[in-house]
């Protein structure tokens, strides 16, 4: 089971290039970064983890720029987002960003996508909250059209693109590995089975009950094999990781503290026992 990491990188934390080198030198599998373009002062939307929103959420770095720095500082470390808020992006511009990052990293990028929890943040991007899931689905359709080997058009109710020349192309045909985030449920599992490679749940609680349901939906959609499941923002214990391994989970993303170099290194030294 691969042990990867995630962290709320900020302008006050360890730099992404230094963190990436520390991870690769120690043998960790990957680095996944979350995204918030901004956090409106209004707190009508409550954070899914409960309580007050932790201060680092107010200062997060852009994940794609930070991951580009990590890519150029490493050779093997996998890179990803946990998660990209696709509804808040122009899909044509984002397709270019992702393809460029994937090219720079030699195909090491995984695209984690979420539907979002902060309604005020999404509203500032012009997102109509009730339609965000369909918006994400169609924007993925636009990006995959641009990543196709030949100029390909995509026409949707919320997003479209004409047949176009677009380079570079992601190394993996059809685009990078795509994992959808969100709470277990019929809508999410249907979306995963329709157009994703798997699920990137937060924390990983309840997988014993939810994984059979996801796999049944996946099989019912005619998908071969099994969906990938990559629990993220996990606070590890040996028992928890052994439980995930028993469920067939092949990668777990451990949460690092959003701190300076010394604090993060201490956490990495502690987590090294799980490698």
Protein backbone atom coordinates (compact mmCIF):
# COMPACT_ATOMS: atom_id res chain seq x y z
CA UNK A 1 0.00 0.00 0.00
CA UNK A 2 1.46 3.35 -1.05
CA UNK A 3 1.69 6.01 1.63
CA UNK A 4 1.20 9.51 0.23
CA UNK A 5 0.65 12.82 2.00
CA UNK A 6 -1.47 15.95 1.89
CA UNK A 7 -0.99 19.33 3.51
CA UNK A 8 -2.54 22.78 3.55
CA UNK A 9 0.45 24.58 2.07
CA UNK A 10 0.44 28.32 2.74
CA UNK A 11 2.74 31.30 2.47
CA UNK A 12 3.66 30.61 6.11
CA UNK A 13 4.36 26.86 5.85
CA UNK A 14 7.14 24.73 4.40
CA UNK A 15 7.73 25.45 0.69
CA UNK A 16 6.42 22.88 -1.82
CA UNK A 17 9.80 22.21 -3.40
CA UNK A 18 11.46 21.55 -0.03
CA UNK A 19 8.57 19.35 1.10
CA UNK A 20 8.64 17.36 -2.13
CA UNK A 21 12.35 16.63 -1.77
CA UNK A 22 11.85 15.53 1.85
CA UNK A 23 9.03 13.17 0.78
CA UNK A 24 10.97 11.62 -2.09
CA UNK A 25 14.13 11.15 -0.02
CA UNK A 26 12.14 9.31 2.68
CA UNK A 27 10.27 7.08 0.22
CA UNK A 28 6.74 8.48 0.46
CA UNK A 29 4.54 7.80 -2.54
CA UNK A 30 3.06 11.18 -3.35
CA UNK A 31 1.96 14.70 -2.49
CA UNK A 32 -1.66 15.81 -2.89
CA UNK A 33 -2.70 19.44 -2.41
CA UNK A 34 -6.16 20.91 -1.71
CA UNK A 35 -7.64 24.02 -3.28
CA UNK A 36 -9.57 27.11 -2.26
CA UNK A 37 -9.32 30.13 -4.55
CA UNK A 38 -10.47 32.37 -1.66
CA UNK A 39 -12.55 32.11 1.51
CA UNK A 40 -15.38 34.67 1.78
CA UNK A 41 -15.63 36.27 5.21
CA UNK A 42 -19.25 35.15 5.41
CA UNK A 43 -19.43 31.85 7.28
CA UNK A 44 -22.89 30.68 6.19
CA UNK A 45 -21.36 27.51 4.74
CA UNK A 46 -20.09 25.34 7.55
CA UNK A 47 -16.91 23.32 6.95
CA UNK A 48 -17.52 19.59 6.54
CA UNK A 49 -15.05 18.73 9.30
CA UNK A 50 -17.17 20.71 11.79
CA UNK A 51 -16.17 23.51 14.12
CA UNK A 52 -14.37 26.64 13.01
CA UNK A 53 -12.48 26.66 9.74
CA UNK A 54 -8.76 26.17 10.51
CA UNK A 55 -6.65 29.26 9.84
CA UNK A 56 -4.49 27.66 7.06
CA UNK A 57 -7.59 27.40 4.84
CA UNK A 58 -7.49 31.19 4.58
CA UNK A 59 -3.96 31.17 3.09
CA UNK A 60 -3.66 28.14 0.81
CA UNK A 61 -1.29 28.23 -2.15
CA UNK A 62 -2.51 27.59 -5.67
CA UNK A 63 -2.15 23.80 -5.97
CA UNK A 64 -1.06 23.72 -9.61
CA UNK A 65 1.71 26.27 -9.19
CA UNK A 66 2.86 24.56 -5.99
CA UNK A 67 2.80 21.12 -7.63
CA UNK A 68 4.83 22.46 -10.56
CA UNK A 69 7.49 23.51 -8.05
CA UNK A 70 7.31 20.03 -6.50
CA UNK A 71 7.57 18.38 -9.92
CA UNK A 72 10.77 20.18 -10.85
CA UNK A 73 12.34 19.32 -7.46
CA UNK A 74 11.70 15.56 -7.74
CA UNK A 75 11.89 12.66 -10.17
CA UNK A 76 9.59 9.93 -8.81
CA UNK A 77 7.14 11.49 -6.36
CA UNK A 78 3.51 11.22 -7.49
CA UNK A 79 1.60 14.52 -7.52
CA UNK A 80 -2.10 15.23 -7.22
CA UNK A 81 -4.92 17.43 -6.01
CA UNK A 82 -7.16 16.61 -3.07
CA UNK A 83 -9.20 18.19 -4.42
CA UNK A 84 -9.57 20.59 -7.37
CA UNK A 85 -12.79 22.62 -7.27
CA UNK A 86 -13.49 22.20 -10.97
CA UNK A 87 -16.72 24.23 -10.94
CA UNK A 88 -14.60 27.30 -10.11
CA UNK A 89 -12.36 26.97 -13.20
CA UNK A 90 -12.54 27.73 -16.90
CA UNK A 91 -12.13 24.17 -18.22
CA UNK A 92 -10.21 25.19 -21.35
CA UNK A 93 -7.57 27.03 -19.34
CA UNK A 94 -7.49 24.32 -16.67
CA UNK A 95 -7.04 21.58 -19.28
CA UNK A 96 -3.89 23.39 -20.46
CA UNK A 97 -2.61 23.79 -16.89
CA UNK A 98 -3.16 20.13 -16.06
CA UNK A 99 -1.64 18.85 -19.31
CA UNK A 100 1.39 21.10 -18.82
CA UNK A 101 1.88 19.93 -15.23
CA UNK A 102 1.50 16.31 -16.30
CA UNK A 103 4.08 16.86 -19.06
CA UNK A 104 6.52 18.60 -16.71
CA UNK A 105 6.23 15.77 -14.19
CA UNK A 106 6.52 12.95 -16.72
CA UNK A 107 2.96 11.74 -16.19
CA UNK A 108 3.02 11.74 -12.38
CA UNK A 109 -0.18 13.75 -11.90
CA UNK A 110 -3.52 12.56 -10.45
CA UNK A 111 -6.55 14.84 -10.72
CA UNK A 112 -8.72 14.73 -7.62
CA UNK A 113 -11.96 16.64 -8.19
CA UNK A 114 -14.56 17.77 -5.69
CA UNK A 115 -17.94 19.45 -5.97
CA UNK A 116 -17.22 21.85 -3.11
CA UNK A 117 -18.79 22.69 0.25
CA UNK A 118 -18.41 26.49 0.38
CA UNK A 119 -21.43 27.90 -1.41
CA UNK A 120 -20.26 31.52 -1.03
CA UNK A 121 -16.90 30.72 -2.60
CA UNK A 122 -18.58 29.04 -5.56
CA UNK A 123 -21.09 31.89 -5.96
CA UNK A 124 -18.25 34.37 -6.46
CA UNK A 125 -17.25 32.25 -9.47
CA UNK A 126 -20.78 32.45 -10.86
CA UNK A 127 -21.64 28.86 -9.91
CA UNK A 128 -25.32 28.03 -9.39
CA UNK A 129 -25.05 25.66 -6.44
CA UNK A 130 -27.76 23.20 -7.40
CA UNK A 131 -26.20 22.63 -10.84
CA UNK A 132 -22.56 22.27 -9.76
CA UNK A 133 -22.44 18.47 -10.16
CA UNK A 134 -23.60 18.59 -13.76
CA UNK A 135 -21.29 21.55 -14.35
CA UNK A 136 -18.31 19.50 -13.12
CA UNK A 137 -19.32 16.54 -15.28
CA UNK A 138 -19.51 18.66 -18.42
CA UNK A 139 -16.31 20.57 -17.71
CA UNK A 140 -14.56 17.21 -17.44
CA UNK A 141 -16.04 16.44 -20.84
CA UNK A 142 -14.52 19.65 -22.24
CA UNK A 143 -11.10 18.84 -20.80
CA UNK A 144 -11.12 15.30 -22.13
CA UNK A 145 -12.07 16.60 -25.57
CA UNK A 146 -9.02 18.88 -25.47
CA UNK A 147 -6.82 15.99 -24.30
CA UNK A 148 -8.00 13.71 -27.13
CA UNK A 149 -5.35 12.73 -29.70
CA UNK A 150 -7.24 14.46 -32.53
CA UNK A 151 -9.26 17.73 -32.45
CA UNK A 152 -12.54 16.80 -30.77
CA UNK A 153 -15.65 18.87 -30.01
CA UNK A 154 -17.78 18.65 -26.88
CA UNK A 155 -21.25 20.12 -26.55
CA UNK A 156 -23.07 20.30 -23.23
CA UNK A 157 -25.74 22.39 -21.56
CA UNK A 158 -23.19 24.01 -19.21
CA UNK A 159 -19.86 23.69 -21.03
CA UNK A 160 -18.75 23.33 -24.63
CA UNK A 161 -15.66 23.49 -26.80
CA UNK A 162 -15.17 23.35 -30.56
CA UNK A 163 -12.77 20.87 -32.14
CA UNK A 164 -9.39 22.41 -31.36
CA UNK A 165 -5.65 21.94 -31.41
CA UNK A 166 -4.46 21.71 -27.81
CA UNK A 167 -1.04 20.69 -26.59
CA UNK A 168 0.69 19.25 -24.64
CA UNK A 169 -1.31 16.09 -24.10
CA UNK A 170 -1.35 14.22 -20.79
CA UNK A 171 0.86 11.14 -20.85
CA UNK A 172 -2.05 8.82 -19.98
CA UNK A 173 -4.58 8.40 -22.83
CA UNK A 174 -7.80 10.19 -21.94
CA UNK A 175 -6.11 12.33 -19.31
CA UNK A 176 -4.63 11.83 -15.84
CA UNK A 177 -6.14 9.45 -13.32
CA UNK A 178 -9.40 11.04 -12.12
CA UNK A 179 -10.65 10.55 -8.55
CA UNK A 180 -13.90 12.15 -7.36
CA UNK A 181 -14.26 13.35 -3.80
CA UNK A 182 -17.39 13.63 -1.69
CA UNK A 183 -19.55 11.82 0.81
CA UNK A 184 -20.70 8.27 0.10
CA UNK A 185 -24.06 8.14 -1.63
CA UNK A 186 -25.91 7.18 -4.82
CA UNK A 187 -25.21 10.44 -6.69
CA UNK A 188 -21.48 10.35 -6.04
CA UNK A 189 -21.14 6.65 -6.80
CA UNK A 190 -23.09 7.05 -10.06
CA UNK A 191 -20.76 9.86 -11.11
CA UNK A 192 -17.66 7.82 -10.27
CA UNK A 193 -18.93 4.86 -12.26
CA UNK A 194 -19.85 7.10 -15.19
CA UNK A 195 -16.69 9.14 -15.76
CA UNK A 196 -14.01 8.66 -13.08
CA UNK A 197 -11.37 6.12 -12.11
CA UNK A 198 -12.23 6.05 -8.43
CA UNK A 199 -13.02 7.82 -5.17
CA UNK A 200 -10.91 10.02 -2.90
CA UNK A 201 -12.91 10.19 0.35
CA UNK A 202 -11.93 12.40 3.27
CA UNK A 203 -10.78 10.42 6.29
CA UNK A 204 -12.00 7.03 5.14
CA UNK A 205 -14.55 6.27 7.86
CA UNK A 206 -17.38 3.95 6.89
CA UNK A 207 -15.53 2.27 4.02
CA UNK A 208 -16.52 -1.20 5.18
CA UNK A 209 -20.15 -0.37 4.36
CA UNK A 210 -19.66 2.01 1.42
CA UNK A 211 -17.09 0.15 -0.66
CA UNK A 212 -19.39 -2.78 -1.57
CA UNK A 213 -22.05 -0.28 -2.66
CA UNK A 214 -19.59 1.64 -4.84
CA UNK A 215 -18.29 -1.56 -6.41
CA UNK A 216 -21.85 -2.72 -7.15
CA UNK A 217 -22.64 0.57 -8.93
CA UNK A 218 -19.34 0.34 -10.80
CA UNK A 219 -20.07 -3.18 -12.01
CA UNK A 220 -23.66 -2.25 -12.87
CA UNK A 221 -22.34 0.51 -15.13
CA UNK A 222 -20.35 -2.13 -17.02
CA UNK A 223 -16.95 -0.92 -15.81
CA UNK A 224 -14.17 -3.47 -15.77
CA UNK A 225 -12.01 -4.18 -12.74
CA UNK A 226 -12.70 -2.19 -9.58
CA UNK A 227 -12.75 1.52 -8.72
CA UNK A 228 -9.65 2.89 -7.04
CA UNK A 229 -10.26 4.17 -3.51
CA UNK A 230 -7.70 6.57 -2.04
CA UNK A 231 -8.63 7.84 1.46
CA UNK A 232 -7.20 11.33 2.00
CA UNK A 233 -6.57 13.58 5.02
CA UNK A 234 -6.05 10.44 7.09
CA UNK A 235 -4.63 10.72 10.61
CA UNK A 236 -2.88 7.37 10.76
CA UNK A 237 -2.67 4.54 13.20
CA UNK A 238 -1.26 1.11 12.45
CA UNK A 239 -4.70 -0.42 12.97
CA UNK A 240 -6.41 2.02 10.64
CA UNK A 241 -3.92 1.43 7.83
CA UNK A 242 -4.18 -2.34 8.27
CA UNK A 243 -7.98 -2.01 8.04
CA UNK A 244 -7.68 -0.08 4.77
CA UNK A 245 -5.27 -2.67 3.40
CA UNK A 246 -7.72 -5.43 4.25
CA UNK A 247 -10.39 -3.63 2.24
CA UNK A 248 -8.17 -3.64 -0.83
CA UNK A 249 -7.09 0.00 -0.60
CA UNK A 250 -3.77 0.44 -2.43
CA UNK A 251 -2.98 4.07 -1.54
CA UNK A 252 -3.62 6.19 1.55
CA UNK A 253 -2.97 9.94 1.82
CA UNK A 254 -1.83 11.01 5.30
CA UNK A 255 -2.45 14.53 6.61
CA UNK A 256 0.60 16.60 7.52
CA UNK A 257 0.49 19.65 9.80
CA UNK A 258 0.43 23.00 8.04
CA UNK A 259 3.64 24.13 9.67
CA UNK A 260 7.19 25.20 9.04
CA UNK A 261 10.09 23.01 7.96
CA UNK A 262 10.95 21.61 11.39
CA UNK A 263 7.37 20.75 12.35
CA UNK A 264 6.69 19.02 9.05
CA UNK A 265 9.97 17.09 9.17
CA UNK A 266 9.09 15.81 12.64
CA UNK A 267 5.73 14.60 11.31
CA UNK A 268 7.44 12.89 8.36
CA UNK A 269 9.87 11.17 10.69
CA UNK A 270 6.90 9.94 12.74
CA UNK A 271 4.99 8.75 9.66
CA UNK A 272 8.05 6.96 8.28
CA UNK A 273 7.22 3.95 10.50
CA UNK A 274 4.19 3.30 8.25
CA UNK A 275 6.23 3.06 5.05
